[in-house]
Protein backbone atom coordinates (compact mmCIF):
# COMPACT_ATOMS: atom_id res chain seq x y z
CA GLY A 1 32.78 21.11 -18.96
CA ASP A 2 31.26 19.02 -21.81
CA GLY A 3 27.88 21.20 -21.44
CA ALA A 4 25.71 18.33 -19.98
CA ARG A 5 22.80 19.73 -18.06
CA LEU A 6 21.91 18.45 -14.73
CA ARG A 7 18.28 18.06 -13.62
CA GLY A 8 17.30 20.63 -10.97
CA ASP A 9 13.64 19.62 -10.67
CA ILE A 10 12.33 17.04 -8.11
CA ASN A 11 9.97 14.31 -9.21
CA VAL A 12 7.70 13.09 -6.65
CA LEU A 13 5.21 9.83 -6.49
CA LEU A 14 2.31 9.65 -3.81
CA LEU A 15 1.52 6.07 -3.76
CA GLY A 16 -1.38 5.31 -1.43
CA ASP A 17 -4.71 4.03 -0.48
CA PRO A 18 -8.04 5.82 -1.83
CA SER A 19 -9.20 8.90 -0.05
CA VAL A 20 -5.95 9.87 1.65
CA ALA A 21 -6.26 13.17 -0.08
CA LYS A 22 -3.63 12.64 -3.05
CA SER A 23 -5.85 14.40 -5.60
CA GLN A 24 -6.33 17.62 -3.22
CA PHE A 25 -2.56 17.67 -2.53
CA LEU A 26 -1.96 17.96 -6.35
CA LYS A 27 -4.96 20.45 -6.89
CA PHE A 28 -3.39 22.83 -4.03
CA VAL A 29 0.20 22.40 -5.86
CA GLU A 30 -1.35 23.43 -9.19
CA LYS A 31 -2.88 26.40 -7.46
CA ALA A 32 0.46 27.31 -5.55
CA ALA A 33 3.11 26.79 -8.35
CA PRO A 34 4.02 29.69 -10.61
CA VAL A 35 3.49 27.40 -13.64
CA ALA A 36 1.51 24.38 -13.47
CA VAL A 37 -0.51 21.98 -15.69
CA TYR A 38 -2.97 19.21 -13.95
CA THR A 39 -3.89 16.23 -16.05
CA SER A 40 -5.25 12.92 -15.39
CA GLY A 41 -3.61 9.56 -16.23
CA LYS A 42 -6.66 8.04 -18.01
CA GLY A 43 -7.29 11.19 -20.17
CA SER A 44 -3.52 11.75 -21.03
CA SER A 45 -2.06 10.39 -24.36
CA ALA A 46 1.66 10.32 -25.34
CA ALA A 47 1.23 12.92 -27.76
CA GLY A 48 -0.79 15.13 -25.45
CA LEU A 49 1.71 15.17 -22.66
CA THR A 50 4.76 15.41 -25.00
CA ALA A 51 4.03 17.08 -28.38
CA THR A 52 2.02 16.46 -31.41
CA VAL A 53 2.42 17.48 -35.25
CA THR A 54 -0.72 18.76 -36.78
CA GLN A 55 -1.49 19.82 -40.55
CA ASP A 56 -2.78 23.04 -41.26
CA SER A 57 -5.81 22.53 -43.41
CA ALA A 58 -5.30 25.77 -45.41
CA THR A 59 -1.65 25.56 -46.25
CA ARG A 60 -1.19 21.79 -45.86
CA GLU A 61 1.88 22.43 -43.99
CA PHE A 62 2.98 20.44 -40.99
CA TYR A 63 3.30 22.34 -37.51
CA LEU A 64 4.15 21.39 -33.91
CA GLU A 65 1.93 21.77 -31.00
CA GLY A 66 3.62 21.31 -27.32
CA GLY A 67 1.86 19.07 -24.86
CA ALA A 68 1.40 19.53 -21.18
CA MET A 69 5.13 18.75 -20.40
CA VAL A 70 6.32 21.30 -22.75
CA ILE A 71 3.60 23.98 -21.51
CA ALA A 72 4.63 23.54 -18.11
CA ASP A 73 8.40 24.46 -18.75
CA GLY A 74 9.79 25.79 -15.60
CA GLY A 75 6.93 24.80 -13.49
CA VAL A 76 5.25 21.57 -12.42
CA VAL A 77 3.25 18.94 -14.12
CA CYS A 78 0.81 17.17 -11.92
CA ILE A 79 -0.58 13.76 -13.20
CA ASP A 80 -3.30 12.03 -11.29
CA GLU A 81 -4.22 8.54 -11.67
CA PHE A 82 -0.87 7.55 -12.78
CA ASP A 83 -1.40 4.05 -12.60
CA LYS A 84 -4.24 4.11 -15.18
CA MET A 85 -2.09 5.42 -17.75
CA ARG A 86 -1.40 3.13 -20.73
CA GLU A 87 2.05 1.85 -20.54
CA GLN A 88 3.14 3.08 -23.83
CA ASP A 89 2.06 6.67 -22.88
CA ARG A 90 4.01 6.35 -19.49
CA VAL A 91 6.98 5.43 -21.54
CA ALA A 92 6.89 8.71 -23.48
CA ILE A 93 7.61 10.78 -20.49
CA HIS A 94 10.74 9.07 -19.61
CA GLU A 95 13.03 11.24 -21.40
CA ALA A 96 11.20 14.12 -20.11
CA MET A 97 11.67 13.17 -16.45
CA GLU A 98 15.41 12.58 -16.55
CA GLN A 99 17.05 14.53 -19.64
CA GLN A 100 14.28 17.05 -19.47
CA THR A 101 13.85 17.33 -23.09
CA ILE A 102 11.51 16.04 -25.56
CA SER A 103 12.75 14.82 -28.88
CA ILE A 104 10.45 14.74 -31.96
CA ALA A 105 11.01 13.19 -35.42
CA LYS A 106 7.62 13.09 -37.15
CA ALA A 107 6.38 14.13 -40.46
CA GLY A 108 9.70 15.60 -41.52
CA ILE A 109 10.13 17.85 -38.29
CA THR A 110 13.09 16.82 -36.27
CA THR A 111 13.49 19.02 -33.13
CA VAL A 112 14.30 18.80 -29.35
CA LEU A 113 11.84 20.84 -26.93
CA ASN A 114 12.58 21.78 -23.56
CA SER A 115 10.48 20.52 -20.69
CA ARG A 116 12.19 21.54 -17.57
CA THR A 117 9.60 20.51 -15.32
CA ALA A 118 9.08 18.98 -12.10
CA VAL A 119 6.36 15.74 -12.03
CA LEU A 120 4.22 15.33 -9.25
CA ALA A 121 2.10 12.20 -9.67
CA ALA A 122 -0.41 10.28 -7.63
CA ALA A 123 -1.27 6.56 -8.06
CA ASN A 124 -3.17 3.63 -6.26
CA PRO A 125 -1.31 0.31 -5.68
CA ALA A 126 -2.41 -2.25 -8.26
CA PHE A 127 -4.79 -3.88 -5.80
CA GLY A 128 -6.56 -0.63 -5.07
CA ARG A 129 -5.55 -0.57 -1.36
CA TYR A 130 -1.96 -1.14 0.01
CA GLN A 131 -1.93 -4.57 1.40
CA ASP A 132 0.60 -5.14 4.09
CA GLU A 133 1.26 -8.91 3.87
CA LYS A 134 1.84 -8.46 -0.09
CA ASN A 135 5.23 -7.89 -1.66
CA ALA A 136 5.69 -4.13 -2.42
CA ALA A 137 6.82 -4.85 -5.94
CA GLU A 138 3.56 -6.69 -6.65
CA GLN A 139 1.49 -3.58 -5.57
CA VAL A 140 3.14 -1.14 -7.87
CA ASP A 141 2.39 -1.78 -11.62
CA PHE A 142 4.99 0.26 -12.81
CA GLN A 143 8.28 -0.60 -14.76
CA THR A 144 11.66 0.08 -12.65
CA THR A 145 12.74 2.46 -15.31
CA ILE A 146 9.96 4.95 -14.28
CA LEU A 147 10.24 4.27 -10.68
CA SER A 148 14.05 5.23 -10.57
CA ARG A 149 13.22 8.53 -12.15
CA PHE A 150 11.21 9.65 -9.10
CA ASP A 151 13.25 11.20 -6.28
CA MET A 152 10.80 10.50 -3.74
CA ILE A 153 8.34 7.81 -3.40
CA PHE A 154 5.80 8.19 -0.71
CA ILE A 155 3.68 5.29 0.49
CA LEU A 156 0.40 6.78 2.21
CA LYS A 157 -1.70 4.23 4.23
CA ASP A 158 -4.96 5.01 5.44
CA LYS A 159 -4.55 3.80 9.02
CA PHE A 160 -7.02 3.78 11.73
CA ASN A 161 -6.23 6.44 14.37
CA GLU A 162 -9.27 7.88 16.64
CA GLU A 163 -7.89 11.27 17.23
CA LYS A 164 -6.98 11.96 13.57
CA ASP A 165 -10.33 10.28 12.39
CA SER A 166 -12.45 12.69 14.85
CA GLN A 167 -10.27 15.75 13.82
CA LEU A 168 -10.96 14.99 10.22
CA ALA A 169 -14.69 14.11 10.51
CA ARG A 170 -15.11 17.45 12.61
CA HIS A 171 -13.26 19.45 9.89
CA ILE A 172 -15.19 17.96 7.05
CA ILE A 173 -18.64 18.44 8.92
CA ASN A 174 -17.88 22.00 9.77
CA VAL A 175 -17.23 22.68 6.05
CA HIS A 176 -20.72 21.40 5.22
CA VAL A 177 -22.36 23.18 8.26
CA GLN A 178 -20.85 26.49 7.73
CA GLY A 179 -19.98 26.56 3.85
CA GLY A 180 -17.88 29.13 2.77
CA ALA A 181 -17.67 30.72 6.30
CA ALA A 182 -15.50 27.62 7.42
CA PHE A 183 -12.57 29.03 5.13
CA GLU A 184 -12.98 32.73 6.05
CA ARG A 185 -11.02 32.52 9.46
CA GLU A 186 -8.34 34.85 10.81
CA GLN A 187 -5.05 34.12 9.45
CA THR A 188 -2.12 33.44 11.92
CA ASP A 189 1.41 34.83 12.05
CA ASP A 190 2.81 31.68 10.42
CA GLU A 191 0.54 31.09 7.77
CA TYR A 192 0.75 32.53 4.25
CA ASP A 193 -1.85 32.94 1.61
CA VAL A 194 -1.58 31.07 -1.72
CA ARG A 195 -1.08 34.29 -3.79
CA THR A 196 2.00 35.09 -1.49
CA LEU A 197 3.28 31.60 -1.55
CA LYS A 198 3.18 31.66 -5.33
CA ARG A 199 5.32 34.76 -5.52
CA TYR A 200 7.68 33.73 -3.08
CA ILE A 201 8.38 30.25 -4.91
CA ALA A 202 8.59 32.27 -8.18
CA TYR A 203 11.20 34.80 -6.60
CA ALA A 204 13.32 31.75 -5.04
CA ARG A 205 13.42 30.05 -8.23
CA LYS A 206 14.59 32.99 -10.27
CA THR A 207 17.14 34.30 -7.81
CA CYS A 208 18.63 31.47 -5.87
CA SER A 209 20.96 28.72 -7.24
CA PRO A 210 22.33 27.18 -4.30
CA ARG A 211 25.55 24.97 -4.05
CA LEU A 212 26.66 22.26 -1.41
CA ASP A 213 29.36 23.34 0.90
CA GLU A 214 32.27 21.00 1.80
CA GLY A 215 30.96 19.61 5.02
CA GLY A 216 27.66 18.79 3.48
CA ALA A 217 29.18 16.94 0.53
CA GLU A 218 31.32 14.64 2.77
CA ILE A 219 28.21 13.90 4.83
CA LEU A 220 26.37 13.07 1.78
CA GLN A 221 29.09 10.90 0.29
CA ASN A 222 29.39 8.84 3.44
CA ALA A 223 25.60 8.46 3.79
CA TYR A 224 25.38 7.21 0.30
CA ILE A 225 28.18 4.62 0.54
CA LYS A 226 26.58 3.49 3.86
CA MET A 227 22.99 3.15 2.27
CA ARG A 228 24.41 1.00 -0.43
CA ALA A 229 26.48 -1.20 1.97
CA ASP A 230 23.36 -1.63 4.21
CA LEU A 231 21.10 -2.80 1.44
CA SER A 232 24.09 -5.02 0.13
CA LYS A 233 24.38 -6.73 3.47
CA ALA A 234 20.70 -7.18 3.59
CA ASP A 235 20.72 -8.99 0.26
CA GLY A 236 23.74 -11.01 1.41
CA GLN A 237 21.63 -12.02 4.41
CA LYS A 238 18.68 -13.08 2.14
CA ALA A 239 21.07 -15.15 -0.10
CA SER A 240 22.37 -17.01 3.05
CA ASP A 241 18.67 -17.83 3.74
CA GLY A 242 18.34 -19.11 0.68
CA ALA A 243 16.28 -16.43 -0.91
CA PRO A 244 17.65 -14.87 -4.21
CA ALA A 245 19.32 -11.35 -3.74
CA ARG A 246 17.74 -8.48 -5.30
CA ALA A 247 19.69 -5.70 -7.25
CA VAL A 248 20.67 -2.98 -4.91
CA PRO A 249 17.98 -0.43 -5.45
CA ILE A 250 20.04 2.80 -4.56
CA THR A 251 21.95 4.00 -7.51
CA VAL A 252 23.56 7.41 -8.64
CA ARG A 253 20.29 8.70 -9.80
CA GLN A 254 19.11 8.55 -6.03
CA LEU A 255 22.58 10.02 -4.95
CA GLU A 256 21.46 13.16 -7.34
CA ALA A 257 18.15 13.33 -5.79
CA ILE A 258 19.34 13.85 -2.08
CA VAL A 259 21.70 16.56 -3.56
CA ARG A 260 18.49 18.33 -5.17
CA ILE A 261 16.35 17.83 -1.96
CA ALA A 262 19.22 19.44 0.05
CA GLU A 263 19.68 22.38 -2.47
CA SER A 264 15.97 22.83 -2.32
CA PHE A 265 15.98 23.12 1.44
CA ALA A 266 18.52 25.94 1.09
CA LYS A 267 16.40 27.70 -1.68
CA MET A 268 13.48 27.79 0.80
CA ARG A 269 15.50 30.04 3.05
CA LEU A 270 16.91 32.10 -0.11
CA SER A 271 20.59 30.85 0.80
CA ASP A 272 23.13 30.21 -1.75
CA VAL A 273 24.76 27.69 0.15
CA ALA A 274 23.21 24.06 1.16
CA THR A 275 24.72 23.36 4.70
CA GLN A 276 25.28 20.20 6.67
CA SER A 277 21.92 20.76 8.38
CA ASP A 278 20.29 20.75 4.79
CA VAL A 279 21.77 17.60 3.66
CA ASN A 280 20.82 15.91 7.05
CA GLN A 281 17.17 16.95 6.43
CA ALA A 282 17.53 15.74 2.76
CA ILE A 283 18.79 12.46 3.86
CA GLU A 284 16.19 11.96 6.58
CA LEU A 285 13.43 13.08 4.21
CA PHE A 286 14.75 10.28 1.50
CA THR A 287 14.93 7.73 4.13
CA GLU A 288 11.27 8.29 5.15
CA SER A 289 10.15 8.26 1.50
CA THR A 290 12.00 6.18 -1.16
CA LEU A 291 14.38 4.38 1.12
CA GLU A 292 11.17 3.24 3.23
CA ALA A 293 9.37 2.09 0.15
CA ALA A 294 12.40 0.24 -1.16
CA LYS A 295 12.62 -1.77 2.07
CA GLN A 296 9.03 -2.56 2.31
CA GLY A 297 9.58 -5.21 -0.28
CA ASP A 298 11.39 -5.58 -3.66
CA ILE A 299 10.45 -2.43 -5.37
CA GLN A 300 13.30 -2.26 -7.64
CA LEU A 301 14.38 1.54 -8.33
CA GLU A 302 16.77 0.25 -10.87
CA GLY A 303 18.39 -2.98 -12.10
CA GLY A 304 16.06 -5.24 -13.76
CA SER A 305 13.04 -7.48 -12.63
CA GLY A 306 11.90 -8.47 -9.10
CA ILE A 307 13.08 -11.64 -7.59
CA SER A 308 10.10 -13.71 -8.12
CA GLU A 309 10.21 -12.82 -11.81
CA ARG A 310 13.67 -13.77 -12.36
CA THR A 311 13.01 -17.17 -10.50
CA ALA A 312 10.09 -17.74 -12.92
CA MET A 313 12.03 -16.82 -15.98
CA GLN A 314 14.77 -19.59 -14.87
CA MET A 315 12.29 -22.28 -14.30
CA ILE A 316 10.38 -21.62 -17.46
CA ALA A 317 13.74 -21.81 -19.36
CA LYS A 318 14.51 -25.18 -17.79
CA ARG A 319 10.86 -26.47 -18.22
CA VAL A 320 10.45 -25.52 -22.07
CA ARG A 321 13.29 -26.74 -24.69
CA LEU A 322 14.39 -24.91 -27.62
CA GLY A 323 11.78 -25.20 -30.49
CA GLU A 324 9.20 -26.80 -28.18
CA PHE A 325 5.54 -25.50 -28.23
CA ILE A 326 3.56 -25.40 -24.92
CA ASN A 327 0.08 -24.03 -24.14
CA THR A 328 0.32 -20.97 -22.00
CA ALA A 329 -2.45 -22.05 -19.57
CA THR A 330 -0.79 -25.53 -19.13
CA LEU A 331 2.73 -23.82 -18.26
CA VAL A 332 1.11 -21.33 -15.89
CA ARG A 333 -0.41 -24.18 -14.05
CA GLU A 334 2.69 -26.14 -13.88
CA MET A 335 4.53 -23.28 -12.49
CA VAL A 336 1.83 -22.51 -9.81
CA TYR A 337 2.47 -26.00 -8.69
CA GLN A 338 6.23 -25.10 -8.14
CA ASN A 339 4.94 -22.55 -5.68
CA LEU A 340 5.31 -19.51 -7.84
CA GLU A 341 2.66 -16.65 -7.97
CA ASP A 342 0.42 -16.35 -10.92
CA LEU A 343 1.34 -12.61 -11.38
CA SER A 344 5.06 -13.20 -11.42
CA ILE A 345 4.67 -16.21 -13.98
CA ARG A 346 2.77 -14.00 -16.36
CA ARG A 347 5.34 -11.25 -15.96
CA ALA A 348 8.07 -13.48 -16.56
CA ILE A 349 6.45 -14.67 -19.55
CA THR A 350 5.60 -11.16 -20.97
CA MET A 351 9.50 -10.37 -20.19
CA MET A 352 10.88 -13.42 -22.15
CA ILE A 353 8.43 -12.51 -25.13
CA LYS A 354 10.09 -9.18 -24.99
CA SER A 355 13.47 -10.30 -25.01
CA GLY A 356 12.98 -12.74 -27.79
CA GLN A 357 13.15 -16.06 -25.85
CA LEU A 358 9.54 -17.13 -26.46
CA GLU A 359 7.15 -16.49 -29.38
CA GLU A 360 3.52 -16.29 -28.93
CA SER A 361 0.77 -17.70 -31.32
CA LYS A 362 -3.11 -18.26 -31.31
CA GLN A 363 -3.62 -14.91 -29.63
CA GLY A 364 -1.28 -15.81 -26.75
CA LYS A 365 -2.79 -19.08 -26.23
CA ARG A 366 0.23 -20.91 -27.30
CA LEU A 367 4.17 -20.34 -26.67
CA LYS A 368 7.09 -21.36 -28.42
CA ARG A 369 10.98 -21.32 -27.28
CA ILE A 370 12.99 -19.75 -29.87
CA ASN A 371 16.00 -18.54 -28.27
CA PRO A 372 18.25 -19.94 -25.26
């Protein structure tokens, strides 16, 4: 009753090996969605995604131009190469992804623009390919704040499977041999062309606003409590084994995500009620995507840094006294001897500089401890 708006759009992150057709999937969504904007991470700046203020050369007045997230209001923004975006540009879309607005205060213009849009992003892991032996948190070069804004995170691996490989190879070779004729086949009864699909999606969005029924709400509540309990128990087990526990990665944001997924299943049927069956499907889909990604290592969906970074921060705090200067390379070398990973140490140093515990000088070659 306080006028707060709830986000209805689902944000999805596809994180996977090269050549698993992520970009093709994004291109198809751009074609099938009634309103869509496709952009690539490397060629996108914060102003290009949100809004920019420009000056009219004749009248010398400032005016506002909406970026991709504003243009796609009521549709989808497809961001390819999401991992190649600069960190400061990625931070600019935080507000648009959760509050679905973009606040501007530039050149005397103060306003709030709507960006009720779903974000579909595709990214490669930090090392190019997904490596099973490495912790998942090390392979995702994103902050926890952005990860928690994605309702579903799918990890796509390029695994060897003879049957699928031969099927895919046959299809690709057919496309090259037959050219356009490969696509001009008869449609089966359970297939829709893109134009029909586009119109159906537009109609469903316009006419349907499903709500959870009581049975579905109860199932969801119990499932959410069980998820948190299970992860908490797993962390308790870790602590008893001597490993530090992580923050429980399932938060209220993820509960809202499951509600949105369940409602979208109902919307696909043009139904006004999201039933128990919809909730069960939503929980299954969420478990297969985000929960699986969270369990594969310490991907933190919310709640601070990973385990190894926190350990490194504690050890650096013990090693460097207040007011003491130390060479950065020396500190990293000493911490590596303590069985910590280079990447975790450098991340810990960056976090301590941001939080004001360390101060860097000589272009980052020297550190000084300034706060406890």
